[in-house]
Structures are given as C-alpha cells and as structure tokens.
C-alpha cells in the first residue's frame, strides 16, 4: 500500500473510532454481554435447540416432546427478542452494518466501475436483489 493510501486509511480509521454509530455499537455490545438474564436465556435457547435437533434426528422420535420443545424455543426466542439489551444490540448492529456496506459499496464502485451497489445488470451472476 502506498503512503497516500496508508494516511487515508489511518484518517478513516480514526474517524470510524469516533463515529457515533461505532460508539453506540460498543456500548450495546457491552450491555448485551453483561446482561446475565439475557445470557441465561440464550443458553437455555441453545440447549433447547440441541434437544430439538437430537430428538428430530432419532429414528423413533417423540412428536409430543418435539412439540413441547418447539413451544419452549418460541417462548425463549420471544423473551430474548423483547430484552432491551438484545434490541439495542440489534439496532446498533444494523446501523454499523449500513456504514460497512456503504464503505464496501464505495470501494466496489472504484474497483468495478458501473457495478454500483454490486449489481452488474446481469441477473445470471446475481444471488439476489436487495
């Protein structure tokens, strides 16, 4: 990388570190990671998910047990998604992801002119529209 690009990258990284969206993300991540109730719910959700997978993989599966586990999973999911720390984390991730996508799209427009937004206009090379 040439010196001019190194300086530009350093300036960009400095600005990113001071970006409100990144600060909100870091704060939300800390809140998420230290929310004991949320972590317990996620652990329970993961355990129930493994139980469901294991029961579903059995030759003689217990459909009543599968239904009970499925209900428990849905209830846990709903409770997780209602948690303030989870909501803050999701919102902050979405905001930061939008910035990252803007940066990536800007670089792609320089690397591949005419393909702004990643769309070449040729649907055969596309995984899906956004």
N, C-alpha and C. Protein backbone atom coordinates (compact mmCIF):
# COMPACT_ATOMS: atom_id res chain seq x y z
N UNK A 1 0.86 -1.17 0.00
CA UNK A 1 0.00 0.00 0.00
C UNK A 1 0.91 1.23 0.00
N UNK A 2 0.58 2.18 -0.86
CA UNK A 2 1.42 3.38 -0.91
C UNK A 2 1.13 4.30 0.28
N UNK A 3 2.02 5.24 0.49
CA UNK A 3 1.94 6.12 1.67
C UNK A 3 0.65 6.93 1.70
N UNK A 4 0.20 7.40 0.55
CA UNK A 4 -1.03 8.19 0.48
C UNK A 4 -2.23 7.37 0.95
N UNK A 5 -2.30 6.12 0.51
CA UNK A 5 -3.40 5.25 0.94
C UNK A 5 -3.31 4.92 2.43
N UNK A 6 -2.09 4.72 2.93
CA UNK A 6 -1.91 4.44 4.35
C UNK A 6 -2.43 5.60 5.20
N UNK A 7 -2.11 6.82 4.79
CA UNK A 7 -2.57 8.01 5.51
C UNK A 7 -4.08 8.12 5.44
N UNK A 8 -4.64 7.88 4.25
CA UNK A 8 -6.09 7.94 4.09
C UNK A 8 -6.77 6.88 4.95
N UNK A 9 -6.20 5.70 5.01
CA UNK A 9 -6.76 4.62 5.82
C UNK A 9 -6.69 4.98 7.31
N UNK A 10 -5.56 5.50 7.74
CA UNK A 10 -5.42 5.91 9.13
C UNK A 10 -6.45 6.99 9.49
N UNK A 11 -6.65 7.95 8.60
CA UNK A 11 -7.64 9.00 8.82
C UNK A 11 -9.05 8.42 8.90
N UNK A 12 -9.33 7.49 8.00
CA UNK A 12 -10.64 6.84 8.00
C UNK A 12 -10.85 6.07 9.30
N UNK A 13 -9.85 5.31 9.73
CA UNK A 13 -9.98 4.52 10.96
C UNK A 13 -10.14 5.41 12.18
N UNK A 14 -9.45 6.54 12.19
CA UNK A 14 -9.61 7.50 13.29
C UNK A 14 -11.03 8.04 13.32
N UNK A 15 -11.55 8.39 12.16
CA UNK A 15 -12.92 8.90 12.08
C UNK A 15 -13.92 7.81 12.48
N UNK A 16 -13.66 6.58 12.08
CA UNK A 16 -14.55 5.48 12.43
C UNK A 16 -14.58 5.26 13.94
N UNK A 17 -13.41 5.34 14.57
CA UNK A 17 -13.35 5.15 16.02
C UNK A 17 -14.17 6.20 16.76
N UNK A 18 -14.30 7.37 16.17
CA UNK A 18 -15.04 8.47 16.79
C UNK A 18 -16.50 8.53 16.32
N UNK A 19 -16.85 7.65 15.42
CA UNK A 19 -18.20 7.63 14.84
C UNK A 19 -19.23 7.25 15.92
N UNK A 20 -20.31 8.02 15.99
CA UNK A 20 -21.36 7.75 16.98
C UNK A 20 -21.92 6.34 16.84
N UNK A 21 -22.04 5.86 15.62
CA UNK A 21 -22.60 4.52 15.40
C UNK A 21 -21.70 3.45 16.02
N UNK A 22 -20.39 3.61 15.90
CA UNK A 22 -19.47 2.65 16.49
C UNK A 22 -19.51 2.72 18.01
N UNK A 23 -19.58 3.92 18.54
CA UNK A 23 -19.68 4.08 20.00
C UNK A 23 -20.97 3.43 20.51
N UNK A 24 -22.08 3.64 19.80
CA UNK A 24 -23.34 3.01 20.19
C UNK A 24 -23.23 1.49 20.12
N UNK A 25 -22.57 0.98 19.09
CA UNK A 25 -22.38 -0.47 18.95
C UNK A 25 -21.56 -1.02 20.11
N UNK A 26 -20.45 -0.37 20.43
CA UNK A 26 -19.60 -0.85 21.52
C UNK A 26 -20.34 -0.82 22.85
N UNK A 27 -21.12 0.23 23.09
CA UNK A 27 -21.91 0.31 24.32
C UNK A 27 -22.98 -0.78 24.36
N UNK A 28 -23.64 -1.00 23.22
CA UNK A 28 -24.69 -2.02 23.15
C UNK A 28 -24.08 -3.41 23.33
N UNK A 29 -22.92 -3.64 22.76
CA UNK A 29 -22.25 -4.93 22.89
C UNK A 29 -21.89 -5.20 24.35
N UNK A 30 -21.43 -4.17 25.05
CA UNK A 30 -21.10 -4.31 26.47
C UNK A 30 -22.35 -4.61 27.28
N UNK A 31 -23.43 -3.88 27.02
CA UNK A 31 -24.70 -4.11 27.71
C UNK A 31 -25.19 -5.53 27.45
N UNK A 32 -25.11 -5.96 26.20
CA UNK A 32 -25.53 -7.31 25.79
C UNK A 32 -24.72 -8.37 26.54
N UNK A 33 -23.40 -8.22 26.54
CA UNK A 33 -22.51 -9.22 27.12
C UNK A 33 -22.62 -9.29 28.64
N UNK A 34 -23.06 -8.22 29.27
CA UNK A 34 -23.12 -8.20 30.74
C UNK A 34 -24.54 -8.37 31.28
N UNK A 35 -25.49 -8.61 30.40
CA UNK A 35 -26.87 -8.84 30.83
C UNK A 35 -27.01 -10.32 31.18
N UNK A 36 -26.90 -10.62 32.46
CA UNK A 36 -26.93 -12.01 32.91
C UNK A 36 -28.21 -12.73 32.54
N UNK A 37 -29.33 -12.03 32.65
CA UNK A 37 -30.62 -12.64 32.30
C UNK A 37 -30.64 -12.99 30.82
N UNK A 38 -30.18 -12.10 29.97
CA UNK A 38 -30.15 -12.36 28.54
C UNK A 38 -29.24 -13.54 28.22
N UNK A 39 -28.06 -13.57 28.82
CA UNK A 39 -27.13 -14.68 28.57
C UNK A 39 -27.73 -16.01 28.99
N UNK A 40 -28.46 -16.02 30.11
CA UNK A 40 -29.10 -17.25 30.58
C UNK A 40 -30.19 -17.69 29.60
N UNK A 41 -30.96 -16.73 29.09
CA UNK A 41 -31.99 -17.06 28.11
C UNK A 41 -31.38 -17.63 26.83
N UNK A 42 -30.30 -17.03 26.38
CA UNK A 42 -29.63 -17.52 25.16
C UNK A 42 -29.07 -18.92 25.39
N UNK A 43 -28.50 -19.17 26.56
CA UNK A 43 -28.00 -20.51 26.88
C UNK A 43 -29.15 -21.52 26.86
N UNK A 44 -30.27 -21.15 27.49
CA UNK A 44 -31.44 -22.04 27.50
C UNK A 44 -31.94 -22.30 26.08
N UNK A 45 -31.96 -21.25 25.28
CA UNK A 45 -32.40 -21.39 23.89
C UNK A 45 -31.50 -22.36 23.14
N UNK A 46 -30.20 -22.23 23.33
CA UNK A 46 -29.25 -23.12 22.65
C UNK A 46 -29.41 -24.56 23.09
N UNK A 47 -29.62 -24.77 24.39
CA UNK A 47 -29.83 -26.13 24.91
C UNK A 47 -31.09 -26.73 24.30
N UNK A 48 -32.16 -25.96 24.30
CA UNK A 48 -33.43 -26.46 23.73
C UNK A 48 -33.28 -26.74 22.24
N UNK A 49 -32.51 -25.91 21.55
CA UNK A 49 -32.27 -26.15 20.13
C UNK A 49 -31.53 -27.46 19.89
N UNK A 50 -30.53 -27.74 20.73
CA UNK A 50 -29.81 -29.02 20.60
C UNK A 50 -30.73 -30.20 20.90
N UNK A 51 -31.56 -30.05 21.94
CA UNK A 51 -32.50 -31.11 22.26
C UNK A 51 -33.46 -31.38 21.09
N UNK A 52 -33.94 -30.31 20.48
CA UNK A 52 -34.84 -30.46 19.34
C UNK A 52 -34.15 -31.16 18.18
N UNK A 53 -32.93 -30.75 17.89
CA UNK A 53 -32.16 -31.39 16.81
C UNK A 53 -31.94 -32.88 17.11
N UNK A 54 -31.54 -33.15 18.35
CA UNK A 54 -31.28 -34.55 18.72
C UNK A 54 -32.53 -35.40 18.62
N UNK A 55 -33.63 -34.88 19.13
CA UNK A 55 -34.89 -35.63 19.09
C UNK A 55 -35.36 -35.80 17.65
N UNK A 56 -35.20 -34.77 16.85
CA UNK A 56 -35.61 -34.85 15.45
C UNK A 56 -34.78 -35.81 14.63
N UNK A 57 -33.57 -36.09 15.07
CA UNK A 57 -32.67 -36.99 14.34
C UNK A 57 -32.90 -38.46 14.68
N UNK A 58 -33.66 -38.71 15.74
CA UNK A 58 -33.91 -40.10 16.15
C UNK A 58 -34.82 -40.80 15.15
N UNK A 59 -34.60 -42.11 15.01
CA UNK A 59 -35.49 -42.88 14.14
C UNK A 59 -36.90 -42.91 14.70
N UNK A 60 -37.00 -43.12 16.01
CA UNK A 60 -38.30 -43.15 16.67
C UNK A 60 -38.43 -41.88 17.52
N UNK A 61 -38.75 -40.81 16.86
CA UNK A 61 -38.82 -39.55 17.59
C UNK A 61 -40.17 -39.41 18.28
N UNK A 62 -40.11 -38.62 19.33
CA UNK A 62 -41.29 -38.37 20.14
C UNK A 62 -41.89 -37.04 19.68
N UNK A 63 -42.96 -37.13 18.91
CA UNK A 63 -43.57 -35.92 18.34
C UNK A 63 -44.12 -34.99 19.42
N UNK A 64 -44.60 -35.56 20.52
CA UNK A 64 -45.11 -34.72 21.62
C UNK A 64 -43.96 -33.93 22.25
N UNK A 65 -42.83 -34.59 22.44
CA UNK A 65 -41.66 -33.91 23.00
C UNK A 65 -41.17 -32.83 22.05
N UNK A 66 -41.15 -33.13 20.76
CA UNK A 66 -40.73 -32.15 19.76
C UNK A 66 -41.64 -30.93 19.81
N UNK A 67 -42.93 -31.14 19.95
CA UNK A 67 -43.88 -30.02 20.03
C UNK A 67 -43.63 -29.19 21.28
N UNK A 68 -43.38 -29.86 22.40
CA UNK A 68 -43.11 -29.15 23.65
C UNK A 68 -41.83 -28.32 23.55
N UNK A 69 -40.80 -28.92 22.98
CA UNK A 69 -39.52 -28.21 22.83
C UNK A 69 -39.70 -27.02 21.88
N UNK A 70 -40.46 -27.22 20.83
CA UNK A 70 -40.70 -26.14 19.86
C UNK A 70 -41.40 -24.96 20.51
N UNK A 71 -42.38 -25.25 21.35
CA UNK A 71 -43.08 -24.19 22.07
C UNK A 71 -42.12 -23.46 23.00
N UNK A 72 -41.30 -24.23 23.71
CA UNK A 72 -40.32 -23.64 24.63
C UNK A 72 -39.34 -22.75 23.85
N UNK A 73 -38.89 -23.22 22.70
CA UNK A 73 -37.97 -22.43 21.87
C UNK A 73 -38.61 -21.11 21.45
N UNK A 74 -39.86 -21.18 21.01
CA UNK A 74 -40.54 -19.96 20.58
C UNK A 74 -40.68 -18.98 21.75
N UNK A 75 -41.06 -19.50 22.92
CA UNK A 75 -41.19 -18.63 24.10
C UNK A 75 -39.85 -18.00 24.47
N UNK A 76 -38.79 -18.80 24.45
CA UNK A 76 -37.46 -18.26 24.76
C UNK A 76 -37.04 -17.22 23.73
N UNK A 77 -37.28 -17.51 22.45
CA UNK A 77 -36.94 -16.56 21.39
C UNK A 77 -37.66 -15.23 21.60
N UNK A 78 -38.95 -15.32 21.88
CA UNK A 78 -39.73 -14.10 22.09
C UNK A 78 -39.18 -13.30 23.28
N UNK A 79 -38.84 -14.00 24.35
CA UNK A 79 -38.32 -13.32 25.53
C UNK A 79 -36.94 -12.69 25.24
N UNK A 80 -36.13 -13.39 24.48
CA UNK A 80 -34.82 -12.85 24.10
C UNK A 80 -34.99 -11.59 23.26
N UNK A 81 -35.89 -11.65 22.30
CA UNK A 81 -36.08 -10.52 21.38
C UNK A 81 -36.73 -9.32 22.06
N UNK A 82 -37.42 -9.54 23.17
CA UNK A 82 -38.03 -8.44 23.92
C UNK A 82 -37.05 -7.78 24.88
N UNK A 83 -35.91 -8.42 25.09
CA UNK A 83 -34.91 -7.90 26.03
C UNK A 83 -34.32 -6.60 25.49
N UNK A 84 -34.23 -5.58 26.35
CA UNK A 84 -33.72 -4.27 25.93
C UNK A 84 -32.29 -4.33 25.42
N UNK A 85 -31.45 -5.13 26.06
CA UNK A 85 -30.05 -5.25 25.62
C UNK A 85 -29.98 -5.87 24.23
N UNK A 86 -30.82 -6.87 23.96
CA UNK A 86 -30.85 -7.50 22.65
C UNK A 86 -31.34 -6.51 21.59
N UNK A 87 -32.36 -5.76 21.93
CA UNK A 87 -32.89 -4.78 20.99
C UNK A 87 -31.87 -3.69 20.68
N UNK A 88 -31.17 -3.24 21.71
CA UNK A 88 -30.13 -2.22 21.50
C UNK A 88 -29.00 -2.78 20.64
N UNK A 89 -28.63 -4.03 20.88
CA UNK A 89 -27.56 -4.65 20.11
C UNK A 89 -27.97 -4.79 18.64
N UNK A 90 -29.17 -5.25 18.41
CA UNK A 90 -29.64 -5.40 17.02
C UNK A 90 -29.67 -4.06 16.29
N UNK A 91 -30.19 -3.05 16.95
CA UNK A 91 -30.28 -1.72 16.33
C UNK A 91 -28.87 -1.19 16.02
N UNK A 92 -27.95 -1.34 16.97
CA UNK A 92 -26.59 -0.86 16.78
C UNK A 92 -25.88 -1.64 15.68
N UNK A 93 -26.11 -2.96 15.62
CA UNK A 93 -25.51 -3.78 14.56
C UNK A 93 -26.02 -3.35 13.18
N UNK A 94 -27.32 -3.10 13.09
CA UNK A 94 -27.90 -2.66 11.82
C UNK A 94 -27.28 -1.34 11.36
N UNK A 95 -27.13 -0.42 12.28
CA UNK A 95 -26.56 0.89 11.95
C UNK A 95 -25.10 0.75 11.51
N UNK A 96 -24.33 -0.05 12.22
CA UNK A 96 -22.93 -0.24 11.87
C UNK A 96 -22.79 -1.01 10.56
N UNK A 97 -23.65 -2.00 10.35
CA UNK A 97 -23.63 -2.76 9.10
C UNK A 97 -23.92 -1.85 7.91
N UNK A 98 -24.82 -0.90 8.07
CA UNK A 98 -25.12 0.04 6.98
C UNK A 98 -23.88 0.85 6.61
N UNK A 99 -23.11 1.26 7.62
CA UNK A 99 -21.88 2.01 7.35
C UNK A 99 -20.87 1.13 6.63
N UNK A 100 -20.70 -0.10 7.11
CA UNK A 100 -19.77 -1.03 6.48
C UNK A 100 -20.17 -1.30 5.04
N UNK A 101 -21.47 -1.48 4.80
CA UNK A 101 -21.96 -1.70 3.43
C UNK A 101 -21.69 -0.49 2.54
N UNK A 102 -21.87 0.71 3.08
CA UNK A 102 -21.58 1.92 2.30
C UNK A 102 -20.10 1.97 1.92
N UNK A 103 -19.23 1.63 2.87
CA UNK A 103 -17.79 1.62 2.59
C UNK A 103 -17.47 0.58 1.53
N UNK A 104 -18.00 -0.62 1.71
CA UNK A 104 -17.75 -1.69 0.73
C UNK A 104 -18.28 -1.33 -0.65
N UNK A 105 -19.49 -0.77 -0.70
CA UNK A 105 -20.05 -0.38 -1.99
C UNK A 105 -19.22 0.72 -2.64
N UNK A 106 -18.72 1.66 -1.83
CA UNK A 106 -17.86 2.71 -2.37
C UNK A 106 -16.58 2.13 -2.96
N UNK A 107 -15.97 1.18 -2.26
CA UNK A 107 -14.75 0.55 -2.79
C UNK A 107 -15.06 -0.25 -4.05
N UNK A 108 -16.19 -0.97 -4.05
CA UNK A 108 -16.56 -1.75 -5.23
C UNK A 108 -16.81 -0.85 -6.44
N UNK A 109 -17.37 0.34 -6.20
CA UNK A 109 -17.63 1.24 -7.32
C UNK A 109 -16.32 1.75 -7.94
N UNK A 110 -15.26 1.79 -7.14
CA UNK A 110 -13.95 2.18 -7.66
C UNK A 110 -13.29 0.99 -8.36
N UNK A 111 -13.38 -0.18 -7.73
CA UNK A 111 -12.74 -1.38 -8.28
C UNK A 111 -13.45 -1.85 -9.53
N UNK A 112 -14.79 -1.83 -9.52
CA UNK A 112 -15.59 -2.29 -10.65
C UNK A 112 -16.57 -1.20 -11.08
N UNK A 113 -16.08 -0.20 -11.79
CA UNK A 113 -16.98 0.90 -12.21
C UNK A 113 -18.19 0.35 -12.97
N UNK A 114 -19.32 0.97 -12.73
CA UNK A 114 -20.54 0.54 -13.41
C UNK A 114 -21.28 -0.55 -12.65
N UNK A 115 -20.73 -0.98 -11.51
CA UNK A 115 -21.39 -2.02 -10.73
C UNK A 115 -21.77 -1.48 -9.36
N UNK A 116 -22.17 -0.21 -9.29
CA UNK A 116 -22.55 0.39 -8.03
C UNK A 116 -23.62 -0.46 -7.36
N UNK A 117 -23.46 -0.63 -6.07
CA UNK A 117 -24.41 -1.45 -5.33
C UNK A 117 -24.21 -2.93 -5.58
N UNK A 118 -23.18 -3.28 -6.34
CA UNK A 118 -22.90 -4.68 -6.59
C UNK A 118 -23.74 -5.28 -7.70
N UNK A 119 -24.53 -4.48 -8.40
CA UNK A 119 -25.40 -5.01 -9.45
C UNK A 119 -24.78 -4.76 -10.82
N UNK A 120 -24.52 -5.85 -11.51
CA UNK A 120 -23.92 -5.74 -12.84
C UNK A 120 -24.98 -5.59 -13.91
N UNK A 121 -26.25 -5.79 -13.55
CA UNK A 121 -27.31 -5.76 -14.54
C UNK A 121 -27.51 -7.11 -15.19
N UNK A 122 -26.62 -8.05 -14.90
CA UNK A 122 -26.70 -9.40 -15.44
C UNK A 122 -27.22 -10.31 -14.34
N UNK A 123 -28.48 -10.64 -14.38
CA UNK A 123 -29.11 -11.42 -13.31
C UNK A 123 -28.53 -12.82 -13.17
N UNK A 124 -27.89 -13.35 -14.20
CA UNK A 124 -27.35 -14.70 -14.10
C UNK A 124 -26.17 -14.78 -13.13
N UNK A 125 -25.54 -13.64 -12.83
CA UNK A 125 -24.42 -13.65 -11.90
C UNK A 125 -24.82 -13.21 -10.50
N UNK A 126 -26.12 -13.10 -10.28
CA UNK A 126 -26.63 -12.50 -9.05
C UNK A 126 -27.16 -13.55 -8.09
N UNK A 127 -26.93 -13.32 -6.78
CA UNK A 127 -27.50 -14.21 -5.78
C UNK A 127 -28.89 -13.74 -5.39
N UNK A 128 -29.15 -12.46 -5.49
CA UNK A 128 -30.49 -11.92 -5.27
C UNK A 128 -30.45 -10.40 -5.30
N UNK A 129 -31.59 -9.82 -5.55
CA UNK A 129 -31.69 -8.36 -5.48
C UNK A 129 -31.83 -7.93 -4.04
N UNK A 130 -31.43 -6.70 -3.78
CA UNK A 130 -31.57 -6.19 -2.40
C UNK A 130 -32.59 -5.14 -2.30
